[in-house]
Every structure is written in C-alpha cells, then in structure tokens.
Amino acid sequence: MKSGFIQFLFLLSLFAVSFAKAQTLSLPDSIAPKTTFHSPKKAAIYSAVLPGLGQAYNQKYWKMPIVYAGLGGSAYFFYANNKDYQVFRKELQARFLNETENLNPKFANYSESNLVSLKNYYQRNRELSILVAVVVYALNILDASVDAHLFSFDVSDDLSFSLRPFTSPQINPFSEYKTAYTSGISLHLKF
C-alpha cells in the first residue's frame, strides 16, 4: 500500500513538472527581452486542481514535497484518529444498547466516562487533521499565486542605496529676497 502510494506521488510529481515546463509563457524579445511572465491566476488554479502543480508551474520544485508531506501527514493522522474514534464509538454504542456480544474485552476495565473522553479525544484530533489539511491546501494555493507574482522580480546585485545632499530653490513671494534655498538629504534607490 505504502509503496504504491509513494510511486503514485512520484509519477504525479513528474507529470506536474513536465506540465509546468510546457506551460511557461515567454514574451517576445521586442516587448521584454529575457523576461518570463507567470500568471498568478493560472498558478492558483493549477494548485487548486492539483496541489503542487502551481509550484511546478513557477519552477519551485523543492516546494512540492513539502505540500505533499503536509497533505499526506494530515491524511495519515485523519485515518489513524478516525480508526480509534470508530472503535471507542462502537464500544460505547454496544454498552448503551446492552449488546454483550459486541463488547470488546480489551475495554472491560474502562468506565463509560473514560470511553467518552477517549472518543471525544480522537474525534477532536480527527477534526483537527481535517483543519490542517484545509490550511495546507489553502497555503499551497496562496504560495503558488505569490510566487507567480514575484517570478520576474529582480534580485540581482545591481540594487543600491545612497544618501546625497541636495539644495532646491524655493520662490517666496512674501519675502524681500523672492528666492530662498532649501537644503537637506535625499535618499536614492537604484534598481
């Protein structure tokens, strides 16, 4: 079961990578030389349809295993907590209906309040795993959209910052000298 699931995830990742490479849109050199445009809407839709596909579209392949680990981990904890929840729920139902043939001898020493507490515990953890899966799914979509917005953002070493003094003439009609000079410091950003 596990090896089949891992193989499925691997094939899904390969499909996503090849699909994303085919979908990258390059603008003609006359408009914007050596600049690639990525649509945030398209990246968000890709991630909504298949989690991780938006990250592949944005060529951030290293994020795909993180998305699948988050979704797979929450699915695993949902499965484990749901299984334990169902066991305790069935035990409580059997006790409530006095069905002695359906009682589990493993829980003979447990009181009904203990079983209710355990059932509630696993139910809360099951619902929490669903919430975590929804949050990971939403963050996957948000991350793909933000990465597409910032895909062509320049992070080169040409960024600079400098402070320079300046003077500026000001015309003052109420003064006898008519022209005054203002001086100060200006901030210059080069990017």
N, C-alpha and C. Protein backbone atom coordinates (compact mmCIF):
# COMPACT_ATOMS: atom_id res chain seq x y z
N MET A 1 0.83 -1.20 0.00
CA MET A 1 0.00 0.00 0.00
C MET A 1 0.87 1.25 0.00
N LYS A 2 1.86 1.28 0.91
CA LYS A 2 2.71 2.47 1.01
C LYS A 2 3.55 2.66 -0.25
N SER A 3 4.13 1.57 -0.78
CA SER A 3 4.98 1.72 -1.96
C SER A 3 4.16 2.16 -3.17
N GLY A 4 2.92 1.68 -3.28
CA GLY A 4 2.06 2.12 -4.37
C GLY A 4 1.72 3.59 -4.26
N PHE A 5 1.48 4.05 -3.03
CA PHE A 5 1.18 5.47 -2.80
C PHE A 5 2.39 6.33 -3.11
N ILE A 6 3.57 5.88 -2.72
CA ILE A 6 4.80 6.63 -2.99
C ILE A 6 5.06 6.68 -4.50
N GLN A 7 4.83 5.56 -5.19
CA GLN A 7 5.01 5.56 -6.64
C GLN A 7 4.01 6.50 -7.31
N PHE A 8 2.78 6.52 -6.81
CA PHE A 8 1.78 7.43 -7.34
C PHE A 8 2.21 8.88 -7.16
N LEU A 9 2.70 9.23 -5.97
CA LEU A 9 3.17 10.60 -5.73
C LEU A 9 4.35 10.95 -6.62
N PHE A 10 5.25 10.00 -6.83
CA PHE A 10 6.40 10.24 -7.70
C PHE A 10 5.95 10.51 -9.15
N LEU A 11 5.05 9.68 -9.65
CA LEU A 11 4.55 9.88 -11.02
C LEU A 11 3.77 11.18 -11.13
N LEU A 12 3.03 11.52 -10.09
CA LEU A 12 2.28 12.77 -10.08
C LEU A 12 3.22 13.96 -10.12
N SER A 13 4.33 13.88 -9.39
CA SER A 13 5.32 14.95 -9.39
C SER A 13 5.97 15.10 -10.76
N LEU A 14 6.30 13.98 -11.39
CA LEU A 14 6.88 14.04 -12.73
C LEU A 14 5.91 14.66 -13.73
N PHE A 15 4.65 14.29 -13.64
CA PHE A 15 3.64 14.88 -14.52
C PHE A 15 3.54 16.38 -14.29
N ALA A 16 3.52 16.79 -13.04
CA ALA A 16 3.39 18.21 -12.72
C ALA A 16 4.58 19.00 -13.25
N VAL A 17 5.78 18.45 -13.10
CA VAL A 17 6.98 19.14 -13.57
C VAL A 17 6.95 19.28 -15.10
N SER A 18 6.62 18.21 -15.80
CA SER A 18 6.60 18.28 -17.27
C SER A 18 5.48 19.19 -17.76
N PHE A 19 4.35 19.19 -17.07
CA PHE A 19 3.24 20.06 -17.47
C PHE A 19 3.59 21.52 -17.24
N ALA A 20 4.24 21.81 -16.12
CA ALA A 20 4.59 23.20 -15.81
C ALA A 20 5.64 23.73 -16.79
N LYS A 21 6.58 22.91 -17.20
CA LYS A 21 7.58 23.36 -18.15
C LYS A 21 6.95 23.68 -19.49
N ALA A 22 5.91 22.93 -19.86
CA ALA A 22 5.25 23.17 -21.13
C ALA A 22 4.37 24.43 -21.08
N GLN A 23 3.97 24.86 -19.90
CA GLN A 23 3.05 25.98 -19.76
C GLN A 23 3.73 27.32 -19.53
N THR A 24 5.05 27.38 -19.41
CA THR A 24 5.74 28.64 -19.17
C THR A 24 5.62 29.52 -20.42
N LEU A 25 5.17 30.74 -20.22
CA LEU A 25 4.92 31.66 -21.33
C LEU A 25 6.06 32.66 -21.40
N SER A 26 6.71 32.74 -22.55
CA SER A 26 7.77 33.71 -22.76
C SER A 26 7.27 34.79 -23.69
N LEU A 27 7.52 36.03 -23.32
CA LEU A 27 7.13 37.16 -24.16
C LEU A 27 8.17 37.36 -25.25
N PRO A 28 7.79 37.93 -26.39
CA PRO A 28 8.75 38.18 -27.47
C PRO A 28 9.85 39.14 -27.01
N ASP A 29 11.05 39.01 -27.62
CA ASP A 29 12.18 39.85 -27.24
C ASP A 29 11.93 41.32 -27.49
N SER A 30 11.08 41.65 -28.45
CA SER A 30 10.82 43.06 -28.74
C SER A 30 10.04 43.74 -27.61
N ILE A 31 9.25 42.97 -26.86
CA ILE A 31 8.48 43.56 -25.77
C ILE A 31 9.31 43.60 -24.49
N ALA A 32 9.79 42.46 -24.08
CA ALA A 32 10.56 42.38 -22.84
C ALA A 32 11.65 41.32 -23.02
N PRO A 33 12.85 41.72 -23.28
CA PRO A 33 13.90 40.73 -23.52
C PRO A 33 14.24 39.94 -22.26
N LYS A 34 14.32 38.62 -22.42
CA LYS A 34 14.74 37.70 -21.38
C LYS A 34 13.89 37.80 -20.11
N THR A 35 12.61 38.08 -20.26
CA THR A 35 11.71 38.14 -19.13
C THR A 35 10.61 37.12 -19.35
N THR A 36 10.32 36.33 -18.32
CA THR A 36 9.28 35.33 -18.40
C THR A 36 8.12 35.78 -17.52
N PHE A 37 6.93 35.69 -18.05
CA PHE A 37 5.73 36.10 -17.32
C PHE A 37 5.01 34.87 -16.81
N HIS A 38 4.61 34.90 -15.56
CA HIS A 38 3.82 33.84 -14.98
C HIS A 38 2.52 34.44 -14.46
N SER A 39 1.43 33.84 -14.83
CA SER A 39 0.12 34.32 -14.42
C SER A 39 -0.20 33.83 -13.01
N PRO A 40 -0.43 34.73 -12.05
CA PRO A 40 -0.81 34.31 -10.70
C PRO A 40 -2.14 33.55 -10.68
N LYS A 41 -3.06 33.95 -11.55
CA LYS A 41 -4.36 33.27 -11.61
C LYS A 41 -4.18 31.83 -12.08
N LYS A 42 -3.36 31.65 -13.11
CA LYS A 42 -3.12 30.32 -13.64
C LYS A 42 -2.41 29.44 -12.60
N ALA A 43 -1.45 30.02 -11.89
CA ALA A 43 -0.74 29.26 -10.86
C ALA A 43 -1.68 28.85 -9.74
N ALA A 44 -2.59 29.75 -9.35
CA ALA A 44 -3.55 29.43 -8.29
C ALA A 44 -4.51 28.35 -8.74
N ILE A 45 -4.96 28.42 -9.98
CA ILE A 45 -5.87 27.39 -10.49
C ILE A 45 -5.18 26.04 -10.56
N TYR A 46 -3.94 26.03 -11.04
CA TYR A 46 -3.19 24.78 -11.10
C TYR A 46 -3.05 24.16 -9.71
N SER A 47 -2.73 24.99 -8.71
CA SER A 47 -2.57 24.45 -7.36
C SER A 47 -3.89 24.03 -6.75
N ALA A 48 -4.98 24.67 -7.16
CA ALA A 48 -6.29 24.28 -6.63
C ALA A 48 -6.73 22.94 -7.22
N VAL A 49 -6.44 22.73 -8.51
CA VAL A 49 -6.82 21.48 -9.16
C VAL A 49 -5.95 20.33 -8.67
N LEU A 50 -4.66 20.53 -8.64
CA LEU A 50 -3.73 19.50 -8.19
C LEU A 50 -2.66 20.16 -7.32
N PRO A 51 -2.72 19.94 -6.02
CA PRO A 51 -1.75 20.59 -5.13
C PRO A 51 -0.31 20.31 -5.58
N GLY A 52 0.49 21.36 -5.62
CA GLY A 52 1.88 21.25 -6.04
C GLY A 52 2.09 21.60 -7.50
N LEU A 53 1.04 21.58 -8.30
CA LEU A 53 1.19 21.88 -9.72
C LEU A 53 1.50 23.36 -9.94
N GLY A 54 0.97 24.23 -9.10
CA GLY A 54 1.29 25.66 -9.20
C GLY A 54 2.75 25.92 -8.86
N GLN A 55 3.29 25.17 -7.89
CA GLN A 55 4.70 25.31 -7.56
C GLN A 55 5.57 24.82 -8.72
N ALA A 56 5.15 23.76 -9.38
CA ALA A 56 5.89 23.28 -10.55
C ALA A 56 5.81 24.29 -11.70
N TYR A 57 4.65 24.91 -11.88
CA TYR A 57 4.48 25.95 -12.90
C TYR A 57 5.43 27.11 -12.65
N ASN A 58 5.64 27.45 -11.38
CA ASN A 58 6.55 28.54 -11.02
C ASN A 58 8.00 28.08 -10.91
N GLN A 59 8.26 26.85 -11.24
CA GLN A 59 9.60 26.25 -11.21
C GLN A 59 10.21 26.26 -9.81
N LYS A 60 9.38 26.07 -8.81
CA LYS A 60 9.82 25.93 -7.41
C LYS A 60 9.57 24.47 -7.02
N TYR A 61 10.31 23.57 -7.65
CA TYR A 61 10.08 22.14 -7.49
C TYR A 61 10.35 21.66 -6.07
N TRP A 62 11.21 22.34 -5.35
CA TRP A 62 11.55 21.91 -4.00
C TRP A 62 10.37 22.08 -3.04
N LYS A 63 9.37 22.86 -3.40
CA LYS A 63 8.21 23.06 -2.52
C LYS A 63 7.17 21.95 -2.66
N MET A 64 7.21 21.22 -3.76
CA MET A 64 6.22 20.18 -3.99
C MET A 64 6.24 19.09 -2.92
N PRO A 65 7.39 18.57 -2.51
CA PRO A 65 7.37 17.56 -1.44
C PRO A 65 6.84 18.10 -0.12
N ILE A 66 7.03 19.39 0.12
CA ILE A 66 6.52 19.98 1.36
C ILE A 66 4.99 19.98 1.33
N VAL A 67 4.42 20.34 0.19
CA VAL A 67 2.96 20.34 0.05
C VAL A 67 2.42 18.93 0.24
N TYR A 68 3.04 17.95 -0.43
CA TYR A 68 2.55 16.57 -0.32
C TYR A 68 2.80 15.99 1.06
N ALA A 69 3.87 16.39 1.72
CA ALA A 69 4.10 15.91 3.09
C ALA A 69 3.03 16.46 4.04
N GLY A 70 2.68 17.73 3.87
CA GLY A 70 1.63 18.32 4.71
C GLY A 70 0.28 17.66 4.49
N LEU A 71 -0.08 17.45 3.23
CA LEU A 71 -1.36 16.82 2.93
C LEU A 71 -1.35 15.33 3.30
N GLY A 72 -0.25 14.66 3.02
CA GLY A 72 -0.15 13.23 3.36
C GLY A 72 -0.12 13.01 4.86
N GLY A 73 0.59 13.87 5.59
CA GLY A 73 0.62 13.74 7.04
C GLY A 73 -0.74 13.96 7.67
N SER A 74 -1.45 14.96 7.18
CA SER A 74 -2.79 15.20 7.73
C SER A 74 -3.74 14.07 7.36
N ALA A 75 -3.59 13.49 6.16
CA ALA A 75 -4.42 12.35 5.77
C ALA A 75 -4.12 11.13 6.65
N TYR A 76 -2.84 10.91 6.94
CA TYR A 76 -2.47 9.79 7.81
C TYR A 76 -3.06 9.96 9.21
N PHE A 77 -2.93 11.17 9.79
CA PHE A 77 -3.46 11.38 11.13
C PHE A 77 -4.98 11.33 11.15
N PHE A 78 -5.63 11.76 10.06
CA PHE A 78 -7.08 11.60 9.97
C PHE A 78 -7.45 10.13 10.00
N TYR A 79 -6.76 9.32 9.22
CA TYR A 79 -7.05 7.89 9.16
C TYR A 79 -6.84 7.22 10.52
N ALA A 80 -5.72 7.51 11.17
CA ALA A 80 -5.41 6.88 12.46
C ALA A 80 -6.40 7.32 13.54
N ASN A 81 -6.70 8.60 13.61
CA ASN A 81 -7.63 9.08 14.63
C ASN A 81 -9.06 8.63 14.35
N ASN A 82 -9.44 8.56 13.09
CA ASN A 82 -10.78 8.10 12.75
C ASN A 82 -10.96 6.62 13.13
N LYS A 83 -9.92 5.83 12.91
CA LYS A 83 -9.98 4.41 13.25
C LYS A 83 -10.19 4.24 14.76
N ASP A 84 -9.42 4.95 15.58
CA ASP A 84 -9.58 4.86 17.03
C ASP A 84 -10.91 5.44 17.49
N TYR A 85 -11.35 6.51 16.85
CA TYR A 85 -12.65 7.11 17.18
C TYR A 85 -13.77 6.10 16.95
N GLN A 86 -13.73 5.40 15.81
CA GLN A 86 -14.77 4.42 15.49
C GLN A 86 -14.77 3.27 16.49
N VAL A 87 -13.60 2.83 16.95
CA VAL A 87 -13.51 1.74 17.93
C VAL A 87 -14.18 2.15 19.24
N PHE A 88 -13.87 3.33 19.74
CA PHE A 88 -14.45 3.77 21.01
C PHE A 88 -15.94 4.09 20.86
N ARG A 89 -16.34 4.60 19.72
CA ARG A 89 -17.75 4.89 19.49
C ARG A 89 -18.57 3.60 19.46
N LYS A 90 -18.06 2.57 18.78
CA LYS A 90 -18.77 1.28 18.73
C LYS A 90 -18.84 0.64 20.11
N GLU A 91 -17.78 0.78 20.89
CA GLU A 91 -17.79 0.23 22.25
C GLU A 91 -18.85 0.94 23.10
N LEU A 92 -18.94 2.25 22.98
CA LEU A 92 -19.96 3.00 23.73
C LEU A 92 -21.36 2.63 23.27
N GLN A 93 -21.58 2.46 21.96
CA GLN A 93 -22.90 2.06 21.47
C GLN A 93 -23.28 0.69 21.98
N ALA A 94 -22.33 -0.24 21.99
CA ALA A 94 -22.62 -1.60 22.48
C ALA A 94 -22.98 -1.57 23.96
N ARG A 95 -22.30 -0.75 24.74
CA ARG A 95 -22.64 -0.65 26.16
C ARG A 95 -23.99 0.01 26.36
N PHE A 96 -24.28 1.02 25.57
CA PHE A 96 -25.54 1.74 25.71
C PHE A 96 -26.73 0.85 25.36
N LEU A 97 -26.57 0.01 24.33
CA LEU A 97 -27.65 -0.87 23.88
C LEU A 97 -27.63 -2.24 24.57
N ASN A 98 -26.70 -2.44 25.52
CA ASN A 98 -26.53 -3.71 26.26
C ASN A 98 -26.32 -4.89 25.32
N GLU A 99 -25.52 -4.70 24.29
CA GLU A 99 -25.17 -5.78 23.36
C GLU A 99 -23.87 -6.41 23.86
N THR A 100 -23.98 -7.39 24.72
CA THR A 100 -22.79 -8.00 25.35
C THR A 100 -21.93 -8.76 24.35
N GLU A 101 -22.51 -9.24 23.24
CA GLU A 101 -21.71 -9.98 22.26
C GLU A 101 -20.80 -9.05 21.45
N ASN A 102 -21.12 -7.75 21.40
CA ASN A 102 -20.31 -6.79 20.64
C ASN A 102 -19.30 -6.05 21.52
N LEU A 103 -19.26 -6.35 22.82
CA LEU A 103 -18.31 -5.66 23.71
C LEU A 103 -16.90 -6.18 23.47
N ASN A 104 -15.97 -5.28 23.51
CA ASN A 104 -14.56 -5.62 23.31
C ASN A 104 -13.96 -5.92 24.69
N PRO A 105 -13.40 -7.12 24.89
CA PRO A 105 -12.86 -7.45 26.22
C PRO A 105 -11.64 -6.58 26.60
N LYS A 106 -11.05 -5.98 25.62
CA LYS A 106 -9.90 -5.11 25.87
C LYS A 106 -10.31 -3.89 26.69
N PHE A 107 -11.58 -3.48 26.59
CA PHE A 107 -12.06 -2.29 27.29
C PHE A 107 -12.91 -2.62 28.51
N ALA A 108 -12.77 -3.80 29.03
CA ALA A 108 -13.61 -4.21 30.18
C ALA A 108 -13.33 -3.35 31.41
N ASN A 109 -12.10 -2.90 31.60
CA ASN A 109 -11.74 -2.11 32.79
C ASN A 109 -12.01 -0.61 32.61
N TYR A 110 -12.45 -0.20 31.44
CA TYR A 110 -12.71 1.21 31.18
C TYR A 110 -14.14 1.55 31.61
N SER A 111 -14.30 2.66 32.30
CA SER A 111 -15.64 3.14 32.63
C SER A 111 -16.23 3.85 31.41
N GLU A 112 -17.53 4.12 31.48
CA GLU A 112 -18.16 4.81 30.36
C GLU A 112 -17.61 6.23 30.20
N SER A 113 -17.30 6.88 31.31
CA SER A 113 -16.74 8.24 31.22
C SER A 113 -15.35 8.21 30.58
N ASN A 114 -14.58 7.16 30.84
CA ASN A 114 -13.26 7.02 30.19
C ASN A 114 -13.43 6.83 28.68
N LEU A 115 -14.40 6.00 28.30
CA LEU A 115 -14.64 5.76 26.88
C LEU A 115 -15.14 7.03 26.18
N VAL A 116 -15.99 7.80 26.86
CA VAL A 116 -16.48 9.05 26.28
C VAL A 116 -15.31 10.03 26.09
N SER A 117 -14.43 10.10 27.10
CA SER A 117 -13.27 11.00 26.99
C SER A 117 -12.37 10.59 25.84
N LEU A 118 -12.11 9.30 25.71
CA LEU A 118 -11.25 8.83 24.61
C LEU A 118 -11.92 9.06 23.25
N LYS A 119 -13.21 8.80 23.16
CA LYS A 119 -13.93 9.04 21.90
C LYS A 119 -13.86 10.52 21.52
N ASN A 120 -14.09 11.39 22.49
CA ASN A 120 -14.02 12.83 22.22
C ASN A 120 -12.62 13.28 21.83
N TYR A 121 -11.60 12.68 22.47
CA TYR A 121 -10.21 13.00 22.16
C TYR A 121 -9.89 12.67 20.70
N TYR A 122 -10.24 11.47 20.27
CA TYR A 122 -9.93 11.07 18.90
C TYR A 122 -10.81 11.80 17.89
N GLN A 123 -12.02 12.15 18.28
CA GLN A 123 -12.88 12.93 17.40
C GLN A 123 -12.29 14.33 17.19
N ARG A 124 -11.81 14.94 18.27
CA ARG A 124 -11.21 16.28 18.16
C ARG A 124 -9.95 16.23 17.30
N ASN A 125 -9.12 15.20 17.48
CA ASN A 125 -7.90 15.07 16.68
C ASN A 125 -8.22 14.81 15.21
N ARG A 126 -9.29 14.06 14.96
CA ARG A 126 -9.71 13.80 13.58
C ARG A 126 -10.13 15.10 12.91
N GLU A 127 -10.90 15.91 13.62
CA GLU A 127 -11.34 17.19 13.06
C GLU A 127 -10.17 18.16 12.90
N LEU A 128 -9.22 18.10 13.81
CA LEU A 128 -8.03 18.94 13.69
C LEU A 128 -7.20 18.56 12.47
N SER A 129 -7.13 17.25 12.16
CA SER A 129 -6.39 16.84 10.95
C SER A 129 -7.07 17.36 9.69
N ILE A 130 -8.39 17.42 9.68
CA ILE A 130 -9.10 17.98 8.54
C ILE A 130 -8.78 19.46 8.41
N LEU A 131 -8.77 20.15 9.52
CA LEU A 131 -8.45 21.59 9.51
C LEU A 131 -7.03 21.84 9.01
N VAL A 132 -6.08 21.01 9.45
CA VAL A 132 -4.69 21.16 9.00
C VAL A 132 -4.60 20.91 7.49
N ALA A 133 -5.33 19.92 6.99
CA ALA A 133 -5.31 19.64 5.55
C ALA A 133 -5.87 20.82 4.76
N VAL A 134 -6.93 21.44 5.26
CA VAL A 134 -7.52 22.60 4.57
C VAL A 134 -6.55 23.77 4.58
N VAL A 135 -5.86 23.99 5.71
CA VAL A 135 -4.90 25.09 5.80
C VAL A 135 -3.71 24.85 4.86
N VAL A 136 -3.21 23.62 4.82
CA VAL A 136 -2.09 23.31 3.91
C VAL A 136 -2.52 23.50 2.46
N TYR A 137 -3.74 23.08 2.13
CA TYR A 137 -4.26 23.24 0.77
C TYR A 137 -4.38 24.72 0.41
N ALA A 138 -4.92 25.52 1.32
CA ALA A 138 -5.06 26.96 1.06
C ALA A 138 -3.70 27.64 0.95
N LEU A 139 -2.76 27.27 1.81
CA LEU A 139 -1.41 27.86 1.73
C LEU A 139 -0.71 27.46 0.44
N ASN A 140 -0.98 26.26 -0.04
CA ASN A 140 -0.43 25.80 -1.32
C ASN A 140 -0.89 26.72 -2.44
N ILE A 141 -2.17 27.07 -2.46
CA ILE A 141 -2.71 27.95 -3.50
C ILE A 141 -2.15 29.36 -3.35
N LEU A 142 -2.11 29.86 -2.12
CA LEU A 142 -1.58 31.20 -1.86
C LEU A 142 -0.11 31.29 -2.24
N ASP A 143 0.66 30.29 -1.90
CA ASP A 143 2.09 30.29 -2.22
C ASP A 143 2.31 30.30 -3.73
N ALA A 144 1.54 29.52 -4.47
CA ALA A 144 1.69 29.49 -5.92
C ALA A 144 1.36 30.84 -6.53
N SER A 145 0.33 31.48 -6.03
CA SER A 145 -0.06 32.79 -6.57
C SER A 145 1.00 33.85 -6.27
N VAL A 146 1.51 33.87 -5.04
CA VAL A 146 2.52 34.86 -4.67
C VAL A 146 3.82 34.61 -5.44
N ASP A 147 4.20 33.35 -5.60
CA ASP A 147 5.41 33.05 -6.38
C ASP A 147 5.26 33.48 -7.84
N ALA A 148 4.08 33.34 -8.39
CA ALA A 148 3.87 33.78 -9.77
C ALA A 148 3.96 35.30 -9.88
N HIS A 149 3.44 36.01 -8.86
CA HIS A 149 3.57 37.47 -8.84
C HIS A 149 5.04 37.88 -8.80
N LEU A 150 5.84 37.18 -8.04
CA LEU A 150 7.24 37.55 -7.83
C LEU A 150 8.20 36.81 -8.75
N PHE A 151 7.69 36.09 -9.75
CA PHE A 151 8.56 35.27 -10.59
C PHE A 151 9.60 36.09 -11.33
N SER A 152 9.22 37.23 -11.87
CA SER A 152 10.18 38.04 -12.64
C SER A 152 10.78 39.16 -11.80
N PHE A 153 10.66 39.08 -10.49
CA PHE A 153 11.23 40.09 -9.61
C PHE A 153 12.75 40.01 -9.66
N ASP A 154 13.41 41.14 -9.85
CA ASP A 154 14.87 41.19 -9.99
C ASP A 154 15.53 41.14 -8.61
N VAL A 155 16.36 40.15 -8.41
CA VAL A 155 17.11 40.04 -7.16
C VAL A 155 18.61 40.07 -7.45
N SER A 156 18.99 40.84 -8.45
CA SER A 156 20.39 40.91 -8.83
C SER A 156 21.18 41.79 -7.85
N ASP A 157 22.49 41.84 -8.07
CA ASP A 157 23.37 42.64 -7.22
C ASP A 157 23.38 44.11 -7.60
N ASP A 158 22.60 44.53 -8.58
CA ASP A 158 22.56 45.92 -9.01
C ASP A 158 21.73 46.80 -8.10
N LEU A 159 21.19 46.25 -7.07
CA LEU A 159 20.40 47.04 -6.14
C LEU A 159 21.35 47.88 -5.29
N SER A 160 21.04 49.17 -5.14
CA SER A 160 21.91 50.02 -4.33
C SER A 160 21.07 51.07 -3.60
N PHE A 161 21.67 51.65 -2.61
CA PHE A 161 21.01 52.63 -1.76
C PHE A 161 22.06 53.68 -1.39
N SER A 162 21.71 54.96 -1.54
CA SER A 162 22.67 56.00 -1.18
C SER A 162 21.95 57.23 -0.66
N LEU A 163 22.65 57.96 0.19
CA LEU A 163 22.16 59.23 0.70
C LEU A 163 23.00 60.34 0.09
N ARG A 164 22.34 61.42 -0.41
CA ARG A 164 23.06 62.52 -1.04
C ARG A 164 22.49 63.84 -0.54
N PRO A 165 23.36 64.85 -0.38
CA PRO A 165 22.82 66.16 -0.01
C PRO A 165 22.18 66.82 -1.23
N PHE A 166 21.21 67.70 -0.99
CA PHE A 166 20.59 68.42 -2.09
C PHE A 166 20.22 69.84 -1.66
N THR A 167 20.10 70.69 -2.66
CA THR A 167 19.58 72.05 -2.45
C THR A 167 18.52 72.30 -3.50
N SER A 168 17.53 73.04 -3.14
CA SER A 168 16.42 73.30 -4.04
C SER A 168 15.98 74.75 -3.89
N PRO A 169 15.88 75.50 -5.00
CA PRO A 169 15.40 76.89 -4.90
C PRO A 169 13.89 76.91 -4.66
N GLN A 170 13.46 77.80 -3.81
CA GLN A 170 12.05 77.98 -3.50
C GLN A 170 11.71 79.45 -3.73
N ILE A 171 10.65 79.72 -4.46
CA ILE A 171 10.22 81.11 -4.68
C ILE A 171 9.23 81.47 -3.59
N ASN A 172 9.54 82.56 -2.88
CA ASN A 172 8.69 83.02 -1.80
C ASN A 172 8.22 84.44 -2.13
N PRO A 173 6.97 84.63 -2.54
CA PRO A 173 6.52 85.97 -2.94
C PRO A 173 6.39 86.94 -1.77
N PHE A 174 6.39 86.46 -0.56
CA PHE A 174 6.22 87.32 0.61
C PHE A 174 7.55 87.79 1.20
N SER A 175 8.64 87.30 0.68
CA SER A 175 9.96 87.68 1.19
C SER A 175 10.55 88.76 0.29
N GLU A 176 11.41 89.62 0.86
CA GLU A 176 12.06 90.65 0.04
C GLU A 176 13.10 90.06 -0.89
N TYR A 177 13.60 88.84 -0.58
CA TYR A 177 14.61 88.21 -1.43
C TYR A 177 14.01 87.31 -2.51
N LYS A 178 12.73 87.08 -2.56
CA LYS A 178 11.96 86.33 -3.55
C LYS A 178 12.42 84.87 -3.74
N THR A 179 13.68 84.56 -3.64
CA THR A 179 14.15 83.19 -3.82
C THR A 179 14.89 82.77 -2.56
N ALA A 180 14.52 81.59 -2.08
CA ALA A 180 15.20 81.01 -0.92
C ALA A 180 15.65 79.61 -1.31
N TYR A 181 16.62 79.10 -0.62
CA TYR A 181 17.12 77.77 -0.93
C TYR A 181 16.82 76.84 0.24
N THR A 182 16.36 75.64 -0.11
CA THR A 182 16.11 74.60 0.88
C THR A 182 17.17 73.54 0.69
N SER A 183 17.72 73.07 1.77
CA SER A 183 18.73 72.01 1.67
C SER A 183 18.31 70.85 2.56
N GLY A 184 18.86 69.70 2.24
CA GLY A 184 18.54 68.51 3.02
C GLY A 184 19.29 67.30 2.49
N ILE A 185 18.81 66.14 2.84
CA ILE A 185 19.42 64.87 2.41
C ILE A 185 18.37 64.10 1.63
N SER A 186 18.79 63.58 0.47
CA SER A 186 17.86 62.78 -0.31
C SER A 186 18.29 61.31 -0.32
N LEU A 187 17.33 60.45 -0.41
CA LEU A 187 17.55 59.01 -0.43
C LEU A 187 17.40 58.55 -1.87
N HIS A 188 18.40 57.83 -2.40
CA HIS A 188 18.36 57.35 -3.77
C HIS A 188 18.43 55.82 -3.76
N LEU A 189 17.44 55.22 -4.41
CA LEU A 189 17.43 53.77 -4.57
C LEU A 189 17.62 53.46 -6.04
N LYS A 190 18.53 52.55 -6.35
CA LYS A 190 18.77 52.16 -7.72
C LYS A 190 18.43 50.68 -7.84
N PHE A 191 17.50 50.41 -8.75
CA PHE A 191 17.15 49.00 -9.03
C PHE A 191 16.73 48.81 -10.44
